[in-house]
Amino acid sequence: MPQALEARHFAADGTLVLKVTDGLGLTAGTFSLKVQGGTARVTASDEVPDLELDIAALSSIYLGAVNPVSLAAAGTVHENTAGAAFLAARLFAVERPAHCLTHF
């Protein structure tokens, strides 16, 4: 999971600590996401997370499909630090969300 975040371009600078859960146990952990100049550095962290979310929510945010503020309001993302979902929205902002031209 850190590699996927580091491969993505980000729209703003900032730092978030994310606690990610994963029912399959493949990507769970707490990670520090530090973005500067559109480039992320992701490291394991033992800090208190700003956001707690599962990998499905993070995947939707990653693709620009859903705003993290909306997910926090729906209870899918838990915000431990006030304003963290809004910061995530700015970091993960996309010009256009991903779109698949075929149905499957």
Protein backbone atom coordinates (compact mmCIF):
# COMPACT_ATOMS: atom_id res chain seq x y z
CA MET A 1 0.00 0.00 0.00
CA PRO A 2 2.76 2.56 0.68
CA GLN A 3 4.04 1.99 -2.86
CA ALA A 4 0.64 2.81 -4.37
CA LEU A 5 0.39 6.05 -2.38
CA GLU A 6 3.95 7.04 -3.32
CA ALA A 7 3.20 6.39 -7.00
CA ARG A 8 0.26 8.83 -7.04
CA HIS A 9 0.47 12.58 -7.66
CA PHE A 10 -1.14 14.73 -4.96
CA ALA A 11 -2.83 18.10 -5.42
CA ALA A 12 -1.64 19.79 -2.20
CA ASP A 13 1.03 19.55 0.46
CA GLY A 14 0.29 18.21 3.93
CA THR A 15 0.75 15.39 6.40
CA LEU A 16 -1.78 12.82 7.57
CA VAL A 17 -1.47 9.72 9.71
CA LEU A 18 -3.81 7.03 8.38
CA LYS A 19 -4.88 3.89 10.24
CA VAL A 20 -5.98 1.46 7.54
CA THR A 21 -7.89 -1.74 8.25
CA ASP A 22 -8.16 -4.59 5.79
CA GLY A 23 -10.38 -7.65 6.20
CA LEU A 24 -7.91 -9.70 4.17
CA GLY A 25 -4.94 -8.56 6.24
CA LEU A 26 -2.91 -7.46 3.22
CA THR A 27 -2.67 -3.70 3.68
CA ALA A 28 -3.53 -2.97 7.30
CA GLY A 29 -1.38 -0.67 9.37
CA THR A 30 -0.82 2.90 10.49
CA PHE A 31 1.04 5.05 8.00
CA SER A 32 2.34 8.59 7.90
CA LEU A 33 1.59 10.23 4.53
CA LYS A 34 3.76 13.30 3.96
CA VAL A 35 3.18 15.17 0.71
CA GLN A 36 5.42 17.90 -0.60
CA GLY A 37 5.39 19.24 -4.15
CA GLY A 38 2.86 16.62 -5.22
CA THR A 39 5.08 13.72 -4.15
CA ALA A 40 4.31 11.50 -1.18
CA ARG A 41 6.54 9.75 1.27
CA VAL A 42 4.80 6.99 3.22
CA THR A 43 6.24 5.34 6.31
CA ALA A 44 4.92 3.08 9.04
CA SER A 45 3.90 5.10 12.07
CA ASP A 46 3.08 4.60 15.73
CA GLU A 47 1.49 8.05 16.01
CA VAL A 48 -2.18 8.57 16.83
CA PRO A 49 -3.97 8.46 13.45
CA ASP A 50 -5.68 11.53 12.04
CA LEU A 51 -8.05 9.29 10.06
CA GLU A 52 -9.16 5.69 10.52
CA LEU A 53 -10.59 3.94 7.46
CA ASP A 54 -10.72 0.62 5.72
CA ILE A 55 -8.91 -0.13 2.48
CA ALA A 56 -12.13 0.14 0.45
CA ALA A 57 -12.67 3.74 1.61
CA LEU A 58 -9.02 4.60 0.97
CA SER A 59 -9.27 3.08 -2.51
CA SER A 60 -12.31 5.23 -3.33
CA ILE A 61 -10.52 8.33 -2.04
CA TYR A 62 -7.33 7.37 -3.94
CA LEU A 63 -9.23 7.23 -7.25
CA GLY A 64 -11.07 10.48 -6.58
CA ALA A 65 -14.41 8.72 -6.62
CA VAL A 66 -15.63 9.90 -3.20
CA ASN A 67 -14.82 12.90 -1.05
CA PRO A 68 -13.38 11.92 2.35
CA VAL A 69 -15.55 14.56 4.04
CA SER A 70 -18.64 12.73 2.72
CA LEU A 71 -17.26 9.41 3.97
CA ALA A 72 -16.62 10.93 7.42
CA ALA A 73 -20.20 12.26 7.51
CA ALA A 74 -21.46 8.77 6.58
CA GLY A 75 -19.36 7.16 9.33
CA THR A 76 -17.14 5.23 6.92
CA VAL A 77 -14.07 7.30 7.82
CA HIS A 78 -13.40 8.16 11.46
CA GLU A 79 -11.77 11.55 11.97
CA ASN A 80 -9.59 11.71 15.11
CA THR A 81 -8.16 15.12 14.23
CA ALA A 82 -10.61 17.90 13.38
CA GLY A 83 -10.22 18.91 9.74
CA ALA A 84 -8.31 15.76 8.74
CA ALA A 85 -10.99 14.64 6.26
CA PHE A 86 -10.93 18.07 4.64
CA LEU A 87 -7.13 17.92 4.39
CA ALA A 88 -7.44 14.47 2.82
CA ALA A 89 -9.92 15.93 0.31
CA ARG A 90 -7.37 18.57 -0.68
CA LEU A 91 -4.49 16.10 -0.87
CA PHE A 92 -6.36 13.51 -2.94
CA ALA A 93 -8.20 16.02 -5.18
CA VAL A 94 -8.33 15.07 -8.86
CA GLU A 95 -9.25 17.03 -11.93
CA ARG A 96 -11.48 14.17 -13.07
CA PRO A 97 -12.40 10.99 -11.18
CA ALA A 98 -11.41 7.65 -12.73
CA HIS A 99 -13.94 6.32 -15.23
CA CYS A 100 -14.21 2.92 -16.89
CA LEU A 101 -15.66 2.99 -20.40
CA THR A 102 -16.72 -0.67 -20.34
CA HIS A 103 -19.21 -2.38 -18.07
CA PHE A 104 -18.22 -5.66 -16.55
